[in-house]
Structures are given as C-alpha cells and as structure tokens.
Amino acid sequence: MPYVKQERREGIFLGIAGQRMINISKIECPGDLNYAITELCKSWLEQHGTTYTAINDVIGVLECAKLEFYRRVAAPYEDKKIDENGDVY
C-alpha cells in the first residue's frame, strides 16, 4: 500500500451517518486509489474476520475485478487504438 500522507487519507473518506464513505472527488492519483481500495478491503476483513479464506476471497474479488475492468474498458480502448493507428502484428 502506498504511504499516503495522513491529511490526504482523511480527505479520501467521509463520515456520513456513522459510516465511512469513499469520497471519489478526492482520489487524485493512483496512490490515492490504491489507498481507498486497500482500506475497503481492510474494512471487509474486519467485518468478516481475518482468516485465510477471507484473505483469499478478497484477493479473488480483486483479481476478478481487474479482469472485468480489462475486458470491459482496456480491451475496447486497445481495439480502438488499433483501428486508429494500425496493428503491430
């Protein structure tokens, strides 16, 4: 996890009605995004217990989210760039 300065950490989360909510407008760089995702995963583990199974579940969710993001966002972007600039292969 990136070691985001404390004052930046506080802005990334909002306290609303006793709940910690991610403040998307304050996520300005990849380190902030990494911090927010890490905190979300840590909170989930706190609620469900830090066990091998729970850790494995979190890693599985992150991997599936990564793959889905690639499939839905990155691959179409790359296809568009191939059409615009020509294929390398």
N, C-alpha and C. Protein backbone atom coordinates (compact mmCIF):
# COMPACT_ATOMS: atom_id res chain seq x y z
N MET A 1 0.85 -1.18 0.00
CA MET A 1 0.00 0.00 0.00
C MET A 1 0.88 1.23 0.00
N PRO A 2 0.52 2.22 -0.78
CA PRO A 2 1.32 3.45 -0.75
C PRO A 2 1.12 4.16 0.58
N TYR A 3 2.13 4.82 1.00
CA TYR A 3 2.06 5.53 2.27
C TYR A 3 1.61 6.95 2.01
N VAL A 4 0.31 7.10 1.84
CA VAL A 4 -0.33 8.38 1.57
C VAL A 4 -0.27 9.20 2.84
N LYS A 5 0.05 10.49 2.71
CA LYS A 5 0.13 11.36 3.88
C LYS A 5 -1.21 11.38 4.62
N GLN A 6 -1.13 11.51 5.92
CA GLN A 6 -2.31 11.45 6.78
C GLN A 6 -3.39 12.44 6.36
N GLU A 7 -3.01 13.67 6.03
CA GLU A 7 -4.02 14.67 5.67
C GLU A 7 -4.74 14.29 4.38
N ARG A 8 -4.08 13.59 3.48
CA ARG A 8 -4.75 13.12 2.26
C ARG A 8 -5.68 11.96 2.58
N ARG A 9 -5.26 11.09 3.50
CA ARG A 9 -6.10 9.95 3.88
C ARG A 9 -7.44 10.43 4.41
N GLU A 10 -7.41 11.43 5.25
CA GLU A 10 -8.64 11.92 5.88
C GLU A 10 -9.62 12.47 4.84
N GLY A 11 -9.11 13.07 3.76
CA GLY A 11 -10.00 13.62 2.74
C GLY A 11 -10.62 12.56 1.84
N ILE A 12 -9.98 11.40 1.74
CA ILE A 12 -10.47 10.36 0.83
C ILE A 12 -11.72 9.69 1.40
N PHE A 13 -11.89 9.72 2.70
CA PHE A 13 -13.06 9.13 3.33
C PHE A 13 -13.90 10.19 4.02
N LEU A 14 -15.20 10.04 3.92
CA LEU A 14 -16.16 10.92 4.58
C LEU A 14 -16.86 10.13 5.67
N GLY A 15 -17.17 10.78 6.76
CA GLY A 15 -18.01 10.15 7.78
C GLY A 15 -19.44 10.62 7.60
N ILE A 16 -20.32 9.73 7.18
CA ILE A 16 -21.72 10.08 6.96
C ILE A 16 -22.59 9.12 7.76
N ALA A 17 -23.37 9.67 8.67
CA ALA A 17 -24.31 8.88 9.48
C ALA A 17 -23.61 7.69 10.13
N GLY A 18 -22.43 7.92 10.68
CA GLY A 18 -21.71 6.85 11.35
C GLY A 18 -21.01 5.88 10.43
N GLN A 19 -21.06 6.12 9.14
CA GLN A 19 -20.43 5.24 8.15
C GLN A 19 -19.26 5.96 7.51
N ARG A 20 -18.22 5.19 7.16
CA ARG A 20 -17.10 5.73 6.38
C ARG A 20 -17.42 5.52 4.91
N MET A 21 -17.44 6.59 4.16
CA MET A 21 -17.74 6.52 2.73
C MET A 21 -16.56 7.05 1.94
N ILE A 22 -16.26 6.42 0.82
CA ILE A 22 -15.18 6.89 -0.04
C ILE A 22 -15.62 8.16 -0.75
N ASN A 23 -14.77 9.18 -0.70
CA ASN A 23 -15.03 10.45 -1.37
C ASN A 23 -14.28 10.43 -2.71
N ILE A 24 -14.96 9.99 -3.75
CA ILE A 24 -14.33 9.80 -5.07
C ILE A 24 -13.67 11.09 -5.56
N SER A 25 -14.26 12.24 -5.27
CA SER A 25 -13.71 13.50 -5.77
C SER A 25 -12.34 13.82 -5.20
N LYS A 26 -11.94 13.16 -4.12
CA LYS A 26 -10.64 13.41 -3.51
C LYS A 26 -9.56 12.42 -3.95
N ILE A 27 -9.94 11.45 -4.78
CA ILE A 27 -8.97 10.48 -5.29
C ILE A 27 -8.35 11.10 -6.54
N GLU A 28 -7.10 11.56 -6.38
CA GLU A 28 -6.47 12.35 -7.43
C GLU A 28 -5.30 11.65 -8.13
N CYS A 29 -4.82 10.56 -7.59
CA CYS A 29 -3.66 9.90 -8.19
C CYS A 29 -3.76 8.40 -7.92
N PRO A 30 -2.95 7.60 -8.59
CA PRO A 30 -3.00 6.15 -8.39
C PRO A 30 -2.78 5.74 -6.94
N GLY A 31 -1.92 6.45 -6.21
CA GLY A 31 -1.69 6.12 -4.81
C GLY A 31 -2.95 6.30 -3.97
N ASP A 32 -3.72 7.34 -4.24
CA ASP A 32 -4.98 7.56 -3.53
C ASP A 32 -5.96 6.43 -3.84
N LEU A 33 -6.03 6.03 -5.09
CA LEU A 33 -6.93 4.95 -5.48
C LEU A 33 -6.53 3.65 -4.81
N ASN A 34 -5.23 3.36 -4.78
CA ASN A 34 -4.73 2.16 -4.11
C ASN A 34 -5.09 2.21 -2.63
N TYR A 35 -4.91 3.35 -2.00
CA TYR A 35 -5.24 3.50 -0.58
C TYR A 35 -6.72 3.23 -0.33
N ALA A 36 -7.59 3.82 -1.15
CA ALA A 36 -9.03 3.65 -0.96
C ALA A 36 -9.44 2.19 -1.13
N ILE A 37 -8.91 1.53 -2.13
CA ILE A 37 -9.23 0.11 -2.35
C ILE A 37 -8.72 -0.74 -1.19
N THR A 38 -7.50 -0.45 -0.73
CA THR A 38 -6.91 -1.19 0.39
C THR A 38 -7.74 -1.01 1.65
N GLU A 39 -8.16 0.20 1.92
CA GLU A 39 -8.99 0.46 3.11
C GLU A 39 -10.34 -0.26 3.01
N LEU A 40 -10.92 -0.30 1.83
CA LEU A 40 -12.18 -1.02 1.63
C LEU A 40 -12.00 -2.50 1.93
N CYS A 41 -10.91 -3.07 1.43
CA CYS A 41 -10.63 -4.49 1.68
C CYS A 41 -10.36 -4.74 3.16
N LYS A 42 -9.60 -3.85 3.81
CA LYS A 42 -9.34 -4.00 5.24
C LYS A 42 -10.63 -3.95 6.05
N SER A 43 -11.53 -3.05 5.69
CA SER A 43 -12.81 -2.95 6.40
C SER A 43 -13.63 -4.22 6.24
N TRP A 44 -13.60 -4.79 5.04
CA TRP A 44 -14.33 -6.03 4.80
C TRP A 44 -13.78 -7.15 5.68
N LEU A 45 -12.44 -7.22 5.76
CA LEU A 45 -11.81 -8.24 6.61
C LEU A 45 -12.18 -8.03 8.08
N GLU A 46 -12.23 -6.78 8.52
CA GLU A 46 -12.60 -6.50 9.91
C GLU A 46 -14.00 -7.01 10.21
N GLN A 47 -14.90 -6.92 9.25
CA GLN A 47 -16.27 -7.38 9.45
C GLN A 47 -16.39 -8.89 9.36
N HIS A 48 -15.57 -9.52 8.54
CA HIS A 48 -15.71 -10.96 8.28
C HIS A 48 -14.63 -11.82 8.94
N GLY A 49 -13.66 -11.16 9.56
CA GLY A 49 -12.58 -11.90 10.21
C GLY A 49 -11.40 -12.09 9.27
N THR A 50 -10.23 -11.98 9.83
CA THR A 50 -9.01 -12.15 9.04
C THR A 50 -8.59 -13.61 9.11
N THR A 51 -9.10 -14.36 8.17
CA THR A 51 -8.77 -15.78 8.04
C THR A 51 -8.17 -16.01 6.66
N TYR A 52 -7.58 -17.16 6.49
CA TYR A 52 -7.04 -17.49 5.16
C TYR A 52 -8.14 -17.41 4.11
N THR A 53 -9.31 -17.94 4.44
CA THR A 53 -10.42 -17.95 3.48
C THR A 53 -10.84 -16.53 3.12
N ALA A 54 -10.97 -15.66 4.12
CA ALA A 54 -11.38 -14.28 3.86
C ALA A 54 -10.34 -13.54 3.04
N ILE A 55 -9.06 -13.73 3.35
CA ILE A 55 -7.99 -13.10 2.58
C ILE A 55 -8.03 -13.60 1.14
N ASN A 56 -8.20 -14.90 0.98
CA ASN A 56 -8.29 -15.49 -0.36
C ASN A 56 -9.50 -14.93 -1.11
N ASP A 57 -10.62 -14.75 -0.41
CA ASP A 57 -11.81 -14.18 -1.03
C ASP A 57 -11.54 -12.77 -1.55
N VAL A 58 -10.88 -11.95 -0.74
CA VAL A 58 -10.58 -10.58 -1.14
C VAL A 58 -9.67 -10.58 -2.37
N ILE A 59 -8.63 -11.39 -2.35
CA ILE A 59 -7.72 -11.46 -3.49
C ILE A 59 -8.47 -11.93 -4.74
N GLY A 60 -9.36 -12.89 -4.59
CA GLY A 60 -10.16 -13.37 -5.72
C GLY A 60 -11.05 -12.28 -6.29
N VAL A 61 -11.68 -11.51 -5.41
CA VAL A 61 -12.53 -10.40 -5.87
C VAL A 61 -11.70 -9.37 -6.62
N LEU A 62 -10.53 -9.02 -6.07
CA LEU A 62 -9.66 -8.05 -6.74
C LEU A 62 -9.23 -8.55 -8.11
N GLU A 63 -8.87 -9.83 -8.19
CA GLU A 63 -8.44 -10.40 -9.48
C GLU A 63 -9.59 -10.39 -10.48
N CYS A 64 -10.78 -10.77 -10.05
CA CYS A 64 -11.93 -10.78 -10.97
C CYS A 64 -12.30 -9.36 -11.39
N ALA A 65 -12.22 -8.40 -10.48
CA ALA A 65 -12.49 -7.00 -10.82
C ALA A 65 -11.47 -6.50 -11.85
N LYS A 66 -10.22 -6.87 -11.64
CA LYS A 66 -9.16 -6.49 -12.59
C LYS A 66 -9.45 -7.06 -13.97
N LEU A 67 -9.79 -8.34 -14.03
CA LEU A 67 -10.06 -8.98 -15.32
C LEU A 67 -11.28 -8.37 -16.01
N GLU A 68 -12.32 -8.09 -15.24
CA GLU A 68 -13.52 -7.48 -15.82
C GLU A 68 -13.24 -6.07 -16.31
N PHE A 69 -12.44 -5.32 -15.56
CA PHE A 69 -12.07 -3.98 -15.99
C PHE A 69 -11.28 -4.04 -17.29
N TYR A 70 -10.37 -4.99 -17.39
CA TYR A 70 -9.61 -5.15 -18.63
C TYR A 70 -10.54 -5.48 -19.79
N ARG A 71 -11.43 -6.43 -19.55
CA ARG A 71 -12.33 -6.89 -20.61
C ARG A 71 -13.26 -5.78 -21.08
N ARG A 72 -13.80 -5.01 -20.13
CA ARG A 72 -14.81 -4.01 -20.47
C ARG A 72 -14.25 -2.64 -20.84
N VAL A 73 -13.07 -2.29 -20.33
CA VAL A 73 -12.52 -0.95 -20.54
C VAL A 73 -11.24 -0.98 -21.38
N ALA A 74 -10.25 -1.74 -20.91
CA ALA A 74 -8.93 -1.69 -21.57
C ALA A 74 -8.96 -2.32 -22.97
N ALA A 75 -9.56 -3.49 -23.12
CA ALA A 75 -9.56 -4.16 -24.42
C ALA A 75 -10.28 -3.33 -25.49
N PRO A 76 -11.47 -2.79 -25.21
CA PRO A 76 -12.10 -1.93 -26.24
C PRO A 76 -11.26 -0.69 -26.58
N TYR A 77 -10.60 -0.13 -25.57
CA TYR A 77 -9.72 1.00 -25.82
C TYR A 77 -8.58 0.60 -26.76
N GLU A 78 -7.96 -0.55 -26.47
CA GLU A 78 -6.88 -1.03 -27.32
C GLU A 78 -7.37 -1.32 -28.74
N ASP A 79 -8.55 -1.90 -28.87
CA ASP A 79 -9.12 -2.15 -30.20
C ASP A 79 -9.31 -0.85 -30.97
N LYS A 80 -9.79 0.17 -30.29
CA LYS A 80 -9.98 1.49 -30.92
C LYS A 80 -8.64 2.04 -31.41
N LYS A 81 -7.60 1.90 -30.59
CA LYS A 81 -6.28 2.40 -30.97
C LYS A 81 -5.67 1.60 -32.12
N ILE A 82 -5.96 0.30 -32.19
CA ILE A 82 -5.52 -0.50 -33.34
C ILE A 82 -6.16 0.04 -34.62
N ASP A 83 -7.47 0.33 -34.55
CA ASP A 83 -8.18 0.87 -35.72
C ASP A 83 -7.59 2.22 -36.13
N GLU A 84 -7.27 3.06 -35.14
CA GLU A 84 -6.75 4.40 -35.42
C GLU A 84 -5.31 4.37 -35.92
N ASN A 85 -4.48 3.52 -35.37
CA ASN A 85 -3.04 3.59 -35.62
C ASN A 85 -2.45 2.40 -36.37
N GLY A 86 -3.25 1.37 -36.57
CA GLY A 86 -2.75 0.16 -37.22
C GLY A 86 -2.23 -0.84 -36.21
N ASP A 87 -2.36 -2.10 -36.57
CA ASP A 87 -1.96 -3.20 -35.70
C ASP A 87 -0.44 -3.38 -35.75
N VAL A 88 0.14 -3.81 -34.66
CA VAL A 88 1.57 -4.06 -34.58
C VAL A 88 1.91 -5.41 -35.19
N TYR A 89 1.00 -6.35 -35.10
CA TYR A 89 1.31 -7.72 -35.54
C TYR A 89 1.06 -7.85 -36.99
